[in-house]
Each structure stands twice: as structure tokens, then as C-alpha cells.
Amino acid sequence: MDRFQEMQVFVRIAERHSFTQAADDLQIPRATVTNLMKRMEERLGARLLERTTRTVRLTPDGEEHYRRCVRLIADLEEAEGSFKHAEPKGLLRVNLQGTLARHFIMPGLPAFLERHAQIELHIGEDDRLVDLVREGVDCVLRAGMLQDSSMIGRRVALLEQVTVASPAYLAREGTPDDLEALASHRAVNFVSSATGRALPLEFSVDGRIETIELQASVSVSGVELYTQAALAGLGIVQVPRYHVDDALNNGRLRLVLPNLPPPPMPISVLYPHNRQLSARVRVFADWLSEIFAPFNARAS
């Protein structure tokens, strides 16, 4: 066992706060993890980890050594990745927003894995904020503006958005022909997982964005529920066009104020700021840019 593997194991333990989870992530026996850490501490002559019955914490010496190890591992991965013939390999843990995963990513995944046969993907589905370091995730794919300053984001797409409502709702409340006419209408509120607050409706008007907050009887925090609420006639919503294309084509939803569209929705790959972008994450992000390219909208 070399010192590089010791550093990899130590960093993973520090981030996961667990010997067992580190062993699972790195796909090595737990006994090997324990022995590597014992050897590292003996060689350095310092205690790096404090173990309790529930978790593992870094000592002050461990905190300092962790920062050094992260830099060294990043430098080595960058050096190896600088050779074009070096094929990315190993476990890549990603967390994907559900509708994006089902519509764009899963259909094209066989081609990605054929292109990068030495990468093993572990995929989670979520809309919530993920603690990448604590949960051992390499990167996440999310929709919307970036909120977390501890993350680095790489934009891979801008998706066209539309304002829609059901025919039943518009027959009942009328079809607005300008922003002023919206005052008497109702929206379905979408509650942001980042802020816990309902997002306003947004409209592009003469090169600027106008925001409007409407009354709402229903608030939701899931994309599927948001669309279903619109289909049920509960109010006006704004969603990426791909998500409601079928409903628009078969008449179950109709466009509202199509000449004043919402701004495009950014789609980004996020990873922790204290990590070098690994070759695995880099090729995954490149591939995501490829599959989203046909659906990109022009920024307003």
C-alpha cells in the first residue's frame, strides 16, 4: 500500500466521518482502512483522527494534514489528467435532479459508459441541497441560479421556460393579455429548497426581468407536483418547456403571455470549491453539455 492510497483513505474518512463509509466509497475492506490509518499515524507520529461511538472527527493535526492531502491529491489527479491518453477511471458519485435525469440523462447514459468504460457511476436522485463532502458525492446537477457559495458551478445548459395554465383554469379565470391583467389571477407557488420561500413569476419585458407575486391556494416543493397542480387547474406556473411539451401538444396546457417569456433556466454541475475538478467529473460535465446542447435557449 503506498502513501497516496493512505492519503485517499484519510481524506475520505475525514469527509465521511466514518471508517465504514470510507471503505464502502473506496471499495476496499474496512480492515484495510483501519490498518492504513494506523500506519499513517505511526509514521507521522501524530494522532489525526478522534473516534467516538457515533462519529470520527479530525484532531487539530488532522485538520492541517487534511488540507495538505486534498491539495496533493488534486495536484496528482491534475497531472495525470494532463495526458490526453489517460482514460478517466474509478467510481463517480453524482446526484441528479429527477426530471432532468429521466428526460435527458438516463436515455443517453449507455453512450457515456461505452465512451468511458472504466468509470463506474453511482447515481442518486434529489432536489434538495446536498452536502457533497459529508455525503461523499463528487458532483450534483441542479436547475436554477446558484445559491451556495461553497460550491463551484459549471453551467451546462440554458433551458427555455414557458408560462402555462390549464384550459379549465383559463376558461374560469380568463386569459390574460398583459401583465396588468395578471392581478386577478392565481399562481401555484413553487417553494425553493434553498430559501424556503415561494419563487415569484418572472417575465422578460424589453430586455429586463419583471417579477410578479400572485395569490396562491397551493404551494409545492416538487417539480412533478408543480406541473400536476397546473394540469389540475389550480393556477399559473412557469416551467422548462421540455417538461410540458406533451401537455402543450395535446392541449392539456396552454401558453400564457407567450410574448413575455420567463428567462431561460440555467442548468449547472456543482462540486466543492476545495476540490480540484477531477478527470471523472470533467468528462461527465463535458458529456452533459453535449446532451443538453440541442435544447439550449438563448439567454434573455
C-alpha atoms as a PDB file:
ATOM      1  CA  MET A   1       0.000   0.000   0.000  1.00  0.00           C
ATOM      2  CA  ASP A   2       1.535   3.368  -0.994  1.00  0.00           C
ATOM      3  CA  ARG A   3       1.278   6.725   0.694  1.00  0.00           C
ATOM      4  CA  PHE A   4      -1.056   8.071  -1.972  1.00  0.00           C
ATOM      5  CA  GLN A   5      -3.651   5.455  -1.045  1.00  0.00           C
ATOM      6  CA  GLU A   6      -3.182   6.358   2.620  1.00  0.00           C
ATOM      7  CA  MET A   7      -3.965   9.973   1.761  1.00  0.00           C
ATOM      8  CA  GLN A   8      -7.021   8.982  -0.273  1.00  0.00           C
ATOM      9  CA  VAL A   9      -8.349   6.881   2.597  1.00  0.00           C
ATOM     10  CA  PHE A  10      -7.609   9.574   5.189  1.00  0.00           C
ATOM     11  CA  VAL A  11      -9.363  12.283   3.155  1.00  0.00           C
ATOM     12  CA  ARG A  12     -12.409  10.097   2.618  1.00  0.00           C
ATOM     13  CA  ILE A  13     -12.651   9.264   6.335  1.00  0.00           C
ATOM     14  CA  ALA A  14     -12.355  12.943   7.194  1.00  0.00           C
ATOM     15  CA  GLU A  15     -15.139  13.857   4.773  1.00  0.00           C
ATOM     16  CA  ARG A  16     -17.471  10.989   5.604  1.00  0.00           C
ATOM     17  CA  HIS A  17     -16.769  10.968   9.367  1.00  0.00           C
ATOM     18  CA  SER A  18     -16.794   7.180   9.172  1.00  0.00           C
ATOM     19  CA  PHE A  19     -14.315   4.360   8.575  1.00  0.00           C
ATOM     20  CA  THR A  20     -17.091   2.110   7.272  1.00  0.00           C
ATOM     21  CA  GLN A  21     -18.491   4.631   4.779  1.00  0.00           C
ATOM     22  CA  ALA A  22     -14.992   5.484   3.581  1.00  0.00           C
ATOM     23  CA  ALA A  23     -14.320   1.788   2.970  1.00  0.00           C
ATOM     24  CA  ASP A  24     -17.599   1.451   1.064  1.00  0.00           C
ATOM     25  CA  ASP A  25     -16.845   4.529  -1.078  1.00  0.00           C
ATOM     26  CA  LEU A  26     -13.357   3.335  -1.957  1.00  0.00           C
ATOM     27  CA  GLN A  27     -14.463  -0.298  -2.306  1.00  0.00           C
ATOM     28  CA  ILE A  28     -11.806  -1.720  -0.017  1.00  0.00           C
ATOM     29  CA  PRO A  29     -12.159  -3.798   3.186  1.00  0.00           C
ATOM     30  CA  ARG A  30     -12.761  -1.883   6.395  1.00  0.00           C
ATOM     31  CA  ALA A  31      -9.793  -3.663   7.979  1.00  0.00           C
ATOM     32  CA  THR A  32      -7.565  -2.225   5.250  1.00  0.00           C
ATOM     33  CA  VAL A  33      -8.830   1.278   6.032  1.00  0.00           C
ATOM     34  CA  THR A  34      -8.084   0.802   9.723  1.00  0.00           C
ATOM     35  CA  ASN A  35      -4.597  -0.547   9.052  1.00  0.00           C
ATOM     36  CA  LEU A  36      -3.752   2.272   6.630  1.00  0.00           C
ATOM     37  CA  MET A  37      -4.763   4.923   9.157  1.00  0.00           C
ATOM     38  CA  LYS A  38      -2.811   3.224  11.930  1.00  0.00           C
ATOM     39  CA  ARG A  39       0.265   3.105   9.680  1.00  0.00           C
ATOM     40  CA  MET A  40      -0.118   6.769   8.674  1.00  0.00           C
ATOM     41  CA  GLU A  41      -0.419   7.970  12.265  1.00  0.00           C
ATOM     42  CA  GLU A  42       2.558   5.876  13.364  1.00  0.00           C
ATOM     43  CA  ARG A  43       4.702   7.152  10.526  1.00  0.00           C
ATOM     44  CA  LEU A  44       3.782  10.792  11.153  1.00  0.00           C
ATOM     45  CA  GLY A  45       3.976  10.453  14.907  1.00  0.00           C
ATOM     46  CA  ALA A  46       0.693  12.307  15.318  1.00  0.00           C
ATOM     47  CA  ARG A  47      -2.913  11.474  16.099  1.00  0.00           C
ATOM     48  CA  LEU A  48      -5.053  12.553  13.149  1.00  0.00           C
ATOM     49  CA  LEU A  49      -8.478  11.143  13.991  1.00  0.00           C
ATOM     50  CA  GLU A  50     -10.615  11.023  17.143  1.00  0.00           C
ATOM     51  CA  ARG A  51     -13.109   8.181  17.170  1.00  0.00           C
ATOM     52  CA  THR A  52     -16.289   8.207  19.258  1.00  0.00           C
ATOM     53  CA  THR A  53     -19.141   5.715  19.374  1.00  0.00           C
ATOM     54  CA  ARG A  54     -21.040   7.732  16.758  1.00  0.00           C
ATOM     55  CA  THR A  55     -18.579   9.531  14.507  1.00  0.00           C
ATOM     56  CA  VAL A  56     -14.987  10.260  13.575  1.00  0.00           C
ATOM     57  CA  ARG A  57     -13.523  13.764  13.975  1.00  0.00           C
ATOM     58  CA  LEU A  58     -10.270  15.338  12.885  1.00  0.00           C
ATOM     59  CA  THR A  59      -7.782  16.413  15.538  1.00  0.00           C
ATOM     60  CA  PRO A  60      -6.043  19.803  15.089  1.00  0.00           C
ATOM     61  CA  ASP A  61      -3.106  17.935  13.497  1.00  0.00           C
ATOM     62  CA  GLY A  62      -5.617  16.044  11.369  1.00  0.00           C
ATOM     63  CA  GLU A  63      -7.223  19.283  10.135  1.00  0.00           C
ATOM     64  CA  GLU A  64      -3.852  20.584   8.955  1.00  0.00           C
ATOM     65  CA  HIS A  65      -2.875  17.282   7.340  1.00  0.00           C
ATOM     66  CA  TYR A  66      -6.284  17.017   5.643  1.00  0.00           C
ATOM     67  CA  ARG A  67      -5.784  20.350   3.850  1.00  0.00           C
ATOM     68  CA  ARG A  68      -2.357  19.247   2.631  1.00  0.00           C
ATOM     69  CA  CYS A  69      -3.634  15.881   1.439  1.00  0.00           C
ATOM     70  CA  VAL A  70      -6.511  17.453  -0.505  1.00  0.00           C
ATOM     71  CA  ARG A  71      -4.053  19.698  -2.360  1.00  0.00           C
ATOM     72  CA  LEU A  72      -1.636  16.844  -3.067  1.00  0.00           C
ATOM     73  CA  ILE A  73      -4.357  14.525  -4.371  1.00  0.00           C
ATOM     74  CA  ALA A  74      -5.748  17.298  -6.582  1.00  0.00           C
ATOM     75  CA  ASP A  75      -2.273  18.050  -7.969  1.00  0.00           C
ATOM     76  CA  LEU A  76      -1.650  14.393  -8.779  1.00  0.00           C
ATOM     77  CA  GLU A  77      -5.038  13.931 -10.463  1.00  0.00           C
ATOM     78  CA  GLU A  78      -4.468  17.092 -12.492  1.00  0.00           C
ATOM     79  CA  ALA A  79      -1.000  15.903 -13.522  1.00  0.00           C
ATOM     80  CA  GLU A  80      -2.302  12.513 -14.625  1.00  0.00           C
ATOM     81  CA  GLY A  81      -5.269  14.083 -16.407  1.00  0.00           C
ATOM     82  CA  SER A  82      -2.993  16.354 -18.438  1.00  0.00           C
ATOM     83  CA  PHE A  83      -2.062  13.383 -20.609  1.00  0.00           C
ATOM     84  CA  LYS A  84      -4.667  13.002 -23.331  1.00  0.00           C
ATOM     85  CA  HIS A  85      -4.283   9.245 -23.425  1.00  0.00           C
ATOM     86  CA  ALA A  86      -5.062   8.897 -19.690  1.00  0.00           C
ATOM     87  CA  GLU A  87      -8.556   7.418 -19.549  1.00  0.00           C
ATOM     88  CA  PRO A  88     -10.616   8.565 -16.516  1.00  0.00           C
ATOM     89  CA  LYS A  89     -11.441   5.653 -14.275  1.00  0.00           C
ATOM     90  CA  GLY A  90     -12.932   4.759 -10.925  1.00  0.00           C
ATOM     91  CA  LEU A  91     -16.130   5.462  -9.002  1.00  0.00           C
ATOM     92  CA  LEU A  92     -18.045   8.648  -9.811  1.00  0.00           C
ATOM     93  CA  ARG A  93     -20.825   9.554  -7.383  1.00  0.00           C
ATOM     94  CA  VAL A  94     -23.336  12.013  -8.830  1.00  0.00           C
ATOM     95  CA  ASN A  95     -26.652  13.377  -7.611  1.00  0.00           C
ATOM     96  CA  LEU A  96     -29.195  14.448 -10.224  1.00  0.00           C
ATOM     97  CA  GLN A  97     -32.388  16.448 -10.221  1.00  0.00           C
ATOM     98  CA  GLY A  98     -35.073  13.902 -11.040  1.00  0.00           C
ATOM     99  CA  THR A  99     -36.844  15.288 -14.111  1.00  0.00           C
ATOM    100  CA  LEU A 100     -33.542  16.243 -15.736  1.00  0.00           C
ATOM    101  CA  ALA A 101     -32.221  12.742 -15.081  1.00  0.00           C
ATOM    102  CA  ARG A 102     -35.239  10.986 -16.568  1.00  0.00           C
ATOM    103  CA  HIS A 103     -35.635  13.212 -19.629  1.00  0.00           C
ATOM    104  CA  PHE A 104     -32.042  13.919 -20.658  1.00  0.00           C
ATOM    105  CA  ILE A 105     -29.502  11.772 -18.864  1.00  0.00           C
ATOM    106  CA  MET A 106     -30.746   8.209 -18.485  1.00  0.00           C
ATOM    107  CA  PRO A 107     -31.591   7.769 -22.206  1.00  0.00           C
ATOM    108  CA  GLY A 108     -28.036   8.742 -23.187  1.00  0.00           C
ATOM    109  CA  LEU A 109     -26.190   7.031 -20.372  1.00  0.00           C
ATOM    110  CA  PRO A 110     -25.260   3.877 -22.320  1.00  0.00           C
ATOM    111  CA  ALA A 111     -23.297   6.019 -24.785  1.00  0.00           C
ATOM    112  CA  PHE A 112     -21.405   7.749 -21.957  1.00  0.00           C
ATOM    113  CA  LEU A 113     -20.461   4.450 -20.331  1.00  0.00           C
ATOM    114  CA  GLU A 114     -19.389   2.997 -23.680  1.00  0.00           C
ATOM    115  CA  ARG A 115     -17.151   6.028 -24.216  1.00  0.00           C
ATOM    116  CA  HIS A 116     -15.724   5.859 -20.665  1.00  0.00           C
ATOM    117  CA  ALA A 117     -15.783   2.174 -19.870  1.00  0.00           C
ATOM    118  CA  GLN A 118     -13.509   2.482 -16.822  1.00  0.00           C
ATOM    119  CA  ILE A 119     -15.861   4.833 -14.951  1.00  0.00           C
ATOM    120  CA  GLU A 120     -18.374   3.301 -12.535  1.00  0.00           C
ATOM    121  CA  LEU A 121     -21.364   5.562 -11.885  1.00  0.00           C
ATOM    122  CA  HIS A 122     -23.298   5.746  -8.625  1.00  0.00           C
ATOM    123  CA  ILE A 123     -26.402   7.918  -9.229  1.00  0.00           C
ATOM    124  CA  GLY A 124     -28.670   9.494  -6.627  1.00  0.00           C
ATOM    125  CA  GLU A 125     -31.856  11.461  -7.314  1.00  0.00           C
ATOM    126  CA  ASP A 126     -32.743  14.574  -5.335  1.00  0.00           C
ATOM    127  CA  ASP A 127     -33.967  18.161  -5.473  1.00  0.00           C
ATOM    128  CA  ARG A 128     -32.638  19.086  -2.033  1.00  0.00           C
ATOM    129  CA  LEU A 129     -29.364  20.769  -1.181  1.00  0.00           C
ATOM    130  CA  VAL A 130     -26.704  18.085  -0.816  1.00  0.00           C
ATOM    131  CA  ASP A 131     -23.647  18.258   1.439  1.00  0.00           C
ATOM    132  CA  LEU A 132     -21.288  16.839  -1.156  1.00  0.00           C
ATOM    133  CA  VAL A 133     -18.320  16.423   1.170  1.00  0.00           C
ATOM    134  CA  ARG A 134     -20.257  14.857   4.051  1.00  0.00           C
ATOM    135  CA  GLU A 135     -22.261  12.557   1.777  1.00  0.00           C
ATOM    136  CA  GLY A 136     -19.334  11.511  -0.410  1.00  0.00           C
ATOM    137  CA  VAL A 137     -20.820  12.914  -3.632  1.00  0.00           C
ATOM    138  CA  ASP A 138     -18.470  14.117  -6.388  1.00  0.00           C
ATOM    139  CA  CYS A 139     -20.887  16.449  -8.170  1.00  0.00           C
ATOM    140  CA  VAL A 140     -24.559  17.354  -8.490  1.00  0.00           C
ATOM    141  CA  LEU A 141     -26.690  18.516 -11.409  1.00  0.00           C
ATOM    142  CA  ARG A 142     -29.157  21.237 -10.473  1.00  0.00           C
ATOM    143  CA  ALA A 143     -31.539  23.684 -12.130  1.00  0.00           C
ATOM    144  CA  GLY A 144     -31.775  27.367 -11.231  1.00  0.00           C
ATOM    145  CA  MET A 145     -29.436  30.112 -10.069  1.00  0.00           C
ATOM    146  CA  LEU A 146     -26.529  29.069  -7.860  1.00  0.00           C
ATOM    147  CA  GLN A 147     -27.115  29.810  -4.174  1.00  0.00           C
ATOM    148  CA  ASP A 148     -24.331  28.013  -2.299  1.00  0.00           C
ATOM    149  CA  SER A 149     -21.069  29.990  -2.253  1.00  0.00           C
ATOM    150  CA  SER A 150     -19.176  26.926  -1.021  1.00  0.00           C
ATOM    151  CA  MET A 151     -19.755  25.283  -4.417  1.00  0.00           C
ATOM    152  CA  ILE A 152     -18.204  25.847  -7.809  1.00  0.00           C
ATOM    153  CA  GLY A 153     -20.639  25.679 -10.698  1.00  0.00           C
ATOM    154  CA  ARG A 154     -20.151  24.908 -14.358  1.00  0.00           C
ATOM    155  CA  ARG A 155     -23.152  25.833 -16.473  1.00  0.00           C
ATOM    156  CA  VAL A 156     -24.037  23.128 -18.989  1.00  0.00           C
ATOM    157  CA  ALA A 157     -27.312  24.490 -20.374  1.00  0.00           C
ATOM    158  CA  LEU A 158     -29.882  27.267 -20.519  1.00  0.00           C
ATOM    159  CA  LEU A 159     -33.341  25.750 -20.988  1.00  0.00           C
ATOM    160  CA  GLU A 160     -36.306  27.607 -22.472  1.00  0.00           C
ATOM    161  CA  GLN A 161     -39.092  28.237 -19.965  1.00  0.00           C
ATOM    162  CA  VAL A 162     -42.788  28.906 -20.530  1.00  0.00           C
ATOM    163  CA  THR A 163     -45.763  30.226 -18.581  1.00  0.00           C
ATOM    164  CA  VAL A 164     -48.715  27.835 -18.726  1.00  0.00           C
ATOM    165  CA  ALA A 165     -52.134  27.079 -17.295  1.00  0.00           C
ATOM    166  CA  SER A 166     -54.829  24.527 -17.982  1.00  0.00           C
ATOM    167  CA  PRO A 167     -57.755  25.227 -20.368  1.00  0.00           C
ATOM    168  CA  ALA A 168     -60.145  24.739 -17.447  1.00  0.00           C
ATOM    169  CA  TYR A 169     -58.373  27.400 -15.388  1.00  0.00           C
ATOM    170  CA  LEU A 170     -58.298  29.882 -18.295  1.00  0.00           C
ATOM    171  CA  ALA A 171     -61.975  29.249 -19.082  1.00  0.00           C
ATOM    172  CA  ARG A 172     -62.807  30.008 -15.458  1.00  0.00           C
ATOM    173  CA  GLU A 173     -60.490  32.984 -14.848  1.00  0.00           C
ATOM    174  CA  GLY A 174     -59.910  34.364 -18.343  1.00  0.00           C
ATOM    175  CA  THR A 175     -56.756  34.508 -20.467  1.00  0.00           C
ATOM    176  CA  PRO A 176     -54.524  37.474 -19.523  1.00  0.00           C
ATOM    177  CA  ASP A 177     -53.207  39.569 -22.422  1.00  0.00           C
ATOM    178  CA  ASP A 178     -50.731  41.704 -20.435  1.00  0.00           C
ATOM    179  CA  LEU A 179     -49.005  41.805 -17.044  1.00  0.00           C
ATOM    180  CA  GLU A 180     -51.633  44.117 -15.559  1.00  0.00           C
ATOM    181  CA  ALA A 181     -54.319  41.526 -16.294  1.00  0.00           C
ATOM    182  CA  LEU A 182     -52.469  39.007 -14.118  1.00  0.00           C
ATOM    183  CA  ALA A 183     -53.531  40.865 -10.965  1.00  0.00           C
ATOM    184  CA  SER A 184     -56.796  38.929 -10.770  1.00  0.00           C
ATOM    185  CA  HIS A 185     -55.154  35.543 -11.401  1.00  0.00           C
ATOM    186  CA  ARG A 186     -53.757  32.848  -9.142  1.00  0.00           C
ATOM    187  CA  ALA A 187     -50.461  31.000  -9.315  1.00  0.00           C
ATOM    188  CA  VAL A 188     -49.264  27.701  -7.938  1.00  0.00           C
ATOM    189  CA  ASN A 189     -46.377  28.629  -5.663  1.00  0.00           C
ATOM    190  CA  PHE A 190     -43.105  26.750  -6.064  1.00  0.00           C
ATOM    191  CA  VAL A 191     -41.152  26.784  -2.793  1.00  0.00           C
ATOM    192  CA  SER A 192     -37.372  26.962  -3.186  1.00  0.00           C
ATOM    193  CA  SER A 193     -35.402  24.287  -1.331  1.00  0.00           C
ATOM    194  CA  ALA A 194     -32.573  26.818  -0.965  1.00  0.00           C
ATOM    195  CA  THR A 195     -34.543  29.640   0.683  1.00  0.00           C
ATOM    196  CA  GLY A 196     -37.783  28.035   1.841  1.00  0.00           C
ATOM    197  CA  ARG A 197     -39.694  30.853   0.141  1.00  0.00           C
ATOM    198  CA  ALA A 198     -42.056  30.821  -2.820  1.00  0.00           C
ATOM    199  CA  LEU A 199     -40.493  31.917  -6.106  1.00  0.00           C
ATOM    200  CA  PRO A 200     -42.204  34.807  -7.953  1.00  0.00           C
ATOM    201  CA  LEU A 201     -43.240  34.582 -11.576  1.00  0.00           C
ATOM    202  CA  GLU A 202     -40.732  36.203 -13.947  1.00  0.00           C
ATOM    203  CA  PHE A 203     -41.346  37.785 -17.342  1.00  0.00           C
ATOM    204  CA  SER A 204     -38.942  39.211 -19.941  1.00  0.00           C
ATOM    205  CA  VAL A 205     -40.059  42.722 -20.845  1.00  0.00           C
ATOM    206  CA  ASP A 206     -37.965  44.919 -23.176  1.00  0.00           C
ATOM    207  CA  GLY A 207     -34.707  43.311 -22.107  1.00  0.00           C
ATOM    208  CA  ARG A 208     -35.413  43.374 -18.374  1.00  0.00           C
ATOM    209  CA  ILE A 209     -36.996  40.898 -15.963  1.00  0.00           C
ATOM    210  CA  GLU A 210     -40.274  41.799 -14.263  1.00  0.00           C
ATOM    211  CA  THR A 211     -41.220  39.761 -11.185  1.00  0.00           C
ATOM    212  CA  ILE A 212     -44.822  39.308 -10.072  1.00  0.00           C
ATOM    213  CA  GLU A 213     -46.187  37.596  -6.967  1.00  0.00           C
ATOM    214  CA  LEU A 214     -49.731  36.284  -7.309  1.00  0.00           C
ATOM    215  CA  GLN A 215     -52.071  34.875  -4.724  1.00  0.00           C
ATOM    216  CA  ALA A 216     -51.948  31.094  -4.434  1.00  0.00           C
ATOM    217  CA  SER A 217     -54.092  28.450  -2.811  1.00  0.00           C
ATOM    218  CA  VAL A 218     -51.453  25.748  -3.243  1.00  0.00           C
ATOM    219  CA  SER A 219     -47.698  25.722  -2.616  1.00  0.00           C
ATOM    220  CA  VAL A 220     -45.463  22.818  -3.621  1.00  0.00           C
ATOM    221  CA  SER A 221     -41.775  21.952  -3.379  1.00  0.00           C
ATOM    222  CA  GLY A 222     -41.533  19.281  -6.091  1.00  0.00           C
ATOM    223  CA  VAL A 223     -41.309  19.734  -9.857  1.00  0.00           C
ATOM    224  CA  GLU A 224     -43.751  16.919 -10.644  1.00  0.00           C
ATOM    225  CA  LEU A 225     -46.306  18.269  -8.157  1.00  0.00           C
ATOM    226  CA  TYR A 226     -45.895  21.750  -9.631  1.00  0.00           C
ATOM    227  CA  THR A 227     -46.840  20.568 -13.111  1.00  0.00           C
ATOM    228  CA  GLN A 228     -49.634  18.346 -11.834  1.00  0.00           C
ATOM    229  CA  ALA A 229     -51.139  21.295  -9.955  1.00  0.00           C
ATOM    230  CA  ALA A 230     -51.251  23.267 -13.207  1.00  0.00           C
ATOM    231  CA  LEU A 231     -52.857  20.344 -15.034  1.00  0.00           C
ATOM    232  CA  ALA A 232     -55.479  20.180 -12.261  1.00  0.00           C
ATOM    233  CA  GLY A 233     -56.428  23.805 -12.956  1.00  0.00           C
ATOM    234  CA  LEU A 234     -55.068  25.241  -9.706  1.00  0.00           C
ATOM    235  CA  GLY A 235     -53.241  28.191 -11.236  1.00  0.00           C
ATOM    236  CA  ILE A 236     -50.479  29.553 -13.472  1.00  0.00           C
ATOM    237  CA  VAL A 237     -46.980  28.031 -13.376  1.00  0.00           C
ATOM    238  CA  GLN A 238     -43.614  28.598 -15.063  1.00  0.00           C
ATOM    239  CA  VAL A 239     -41.606  25.543 -16.051  1.00  0.00           C
ATOM    240  CA  PRO A 240     -38.934  24.447 -18.555  1.00  0.00           C
ATOM    241  CA  ARG A 241     -40.645  23.834 -21.887  1.00  0.00           C
ATOM    242  CA  TYR A 242     -39.366  20.250 -22.251  1.00  0.00           C
ATOM    243  CA  HIS A 243     -41.287  19.307 -19.125  1.00  0.00           C
ATOM    244  CA  VAL A 244     -44.693  20.283 -20.564  1.00  0.00           C
ATOM    245  CA  ASP A 245     -44.193  19.809 -24.316  1.00  0.00           C
ATOM    246  CA  ASP A 246     -46.536  16.820 -24.459  1.00  0.00           C
ATOM    247  CA  ALA A 247     -49.215  18.620 -22.450  1.00  0.00           C
ATOM    248  CA  LEU A 248     -48.970  21.655 -24.747  1.00  0.00           C
ATOM    249  CA  ASN A 249     -49.161  19.483 -27.862  1.00  0.00           C
ATOM    250  CA  ASN A 250     -52.253  17.599 -26.708  1.00  0.00           C
ATOM    251  CA  GLY A 251     -53.999  20.698 -25.329  1.00  0.00           C
ATOM    252  CA  ARG A 252     -53.905  19.811 -21.643  1.00  0.00           C
ATOM    253  CA  LEU A 253     -51.968  23.026 -21.016  1.00  0.00           C
ATOM    254  CA  ARG A 254     -51.862  26.336 -22.869  1.00  0.00           C
ATOM    255  CA  LEU A 255     -49.251  29.070 -23.096  1.00  0.00           C
ATOM    256  CA  VAL A 256     -49.884  32.263 -21.136  1.00  0.00           C
ATOM    257  CA  LEU A 257     -48.318  35.560 -22.304  1.00  0.00           C
ATOM    258  CA  PRO A 258     -46.031  33.776 -24.813  1.00  0.00           C
ATOM    259  CA  ASN A 259     -44.549  37.119 -25.942  1.00  0.00           C
ATOM    260  CA  LEU A 260     -43.277  37.781 -22.388  1.00  0.00           C
ATOM    261  CA  PRO A 261     -41.467  34.523 -21.614  1.00  0.00           C
ATOM    262  CA  PRO A 262     -39.655  33.725 -18.370  1.00  0.00           C
ATOM    263  CA  PRO A 263     -35.848  33.905 -18.550  1.00  0.00           C
ATOM    264  CA  PRO A 264     -34.111  30.643 -19.520  1.00  0.00           C
ATOM    265  CA  MET A 265     -33.343  28.289 -16.643  1.00  0.00           C
ATOM    266  CA  PRO A 266     -29.629  27.628 -16.038  1.00  0.00           C
ATOM    267  CA  ILE A 267     -28.546  24.011 -15.527  1.00  0.00           C
ATOM    268  CA  SER A 268     -25.243  23.557 -13.714  1.00  0.00           C
ATOM    269  CA  VAL A 269     -22.852  20.901 -12.489  1.00  0.00           C
ATOM    270  CA  LEU A 270     -21.698  21.756  -8.950  1.00  0.00           C
ATOM    271  CA  TYR A 271     -18.739  20.464  -6.964  1.00  0.00           C
ATOM    272  CA  PRO A 272     -16.964  21.576  -3.760  1.00  0.00           C
ATOM    273  CA  HIS A 273     -14.700  24.603  -4.041  1.00  0.00           C
ATOM    274  CA  ASN A 274     -11.908  22.880  -2.085  1.00  0.00           C
ATOM    275  CA  ARG A 275     -11.527  20.106  -4.646  1.00  0.00           C
ATOM    276  CA  GLN A 276      -9.771  20.114  -7.969  1.00  0.00           C
ATOM    277  CA  LEU A 277     -12.132  19.174 -10.779  1.00  0.00           C
ATOM    278  CA  SER A 278     -11.294  15.503 -11.293  1.00  0.00           C
ATOM    279  CA  ALA A 279     -10.990  13.927 -14.717  1.00  0.00           C
ATOM    280  CA  ARG A 280     -14.119  11.870 -13.990  1.00  0.00           C
ATOM    281  CA  VAL A 281     -16.208  14.943 -13.185  1.00  0.00           C
ATOM    282  CA  ARG A 282     -14.706  16.821 -16.131  1.00  0.00           C
ATOM    283  CA  VAL A 283     -15.682  14.226 -18.750  1.00  0.00           C
ATOM    284  CA  PHE A 284     -19.139  13.847 -17.158  1.00  0.00           C
ATOM    285  CA  ALA A 285     -19.697  17.623 -17.324  1.00  0.00           C
ATOM    286  CA  ASP A 286     -18.458  17.697 -20.938  1.00  0.00           C
ATOM    287  CA  TRP A 287     -20.923  14.951 -21.825  1.00  0.00           C
ATOM    288  CA  LEU A 288     -23.783  16.787 -20.094  1.00  0.00           C
ATOM    289  CA  SER A 289     -23.015  19.877 -22.172  1.00  0.00           C
ATOM    290  CA  GLU A 290     -23.294  17.719 -25.304  1.00  0.00           C
ATOM    291  CA  ILE A 291     -26.671  16.176 -24.469  1.00  0.00           C
ATOM    292  CA  PHE A 292     -28.218  19.499 -23.407  1.00  0.00           C
ATOM    293  CA  ALA A 293     -26.895  21.418 -26.436  1.00  0.00           C
ATOM    294  CA  PRO A 294     -29.916  20.761 -28.734  1.00  0.00           C
ATOM    295  CA  PHE A 295     -32.272  22.145 -26.069  1.00  0.00           C
ATOM    296  CA  ASN A 296     -30.362  25.315 -25.221  1.00  0.00           C
ATOM    297  CA  ALA A 297     -32.257  28.594 -25.331  1.00  0.00           C
ATOM    298  CA  ARG A 298     -30.744  31.979 -25.904  1.00  0.00           C
ATOM    299  CA  ALA A 299     -30.197  33.960 -22.735  1.00  0.00           C
ATOM    300  CA  SER A 300     -32.563  36.894 -22.451  1.00  0.00           C
END
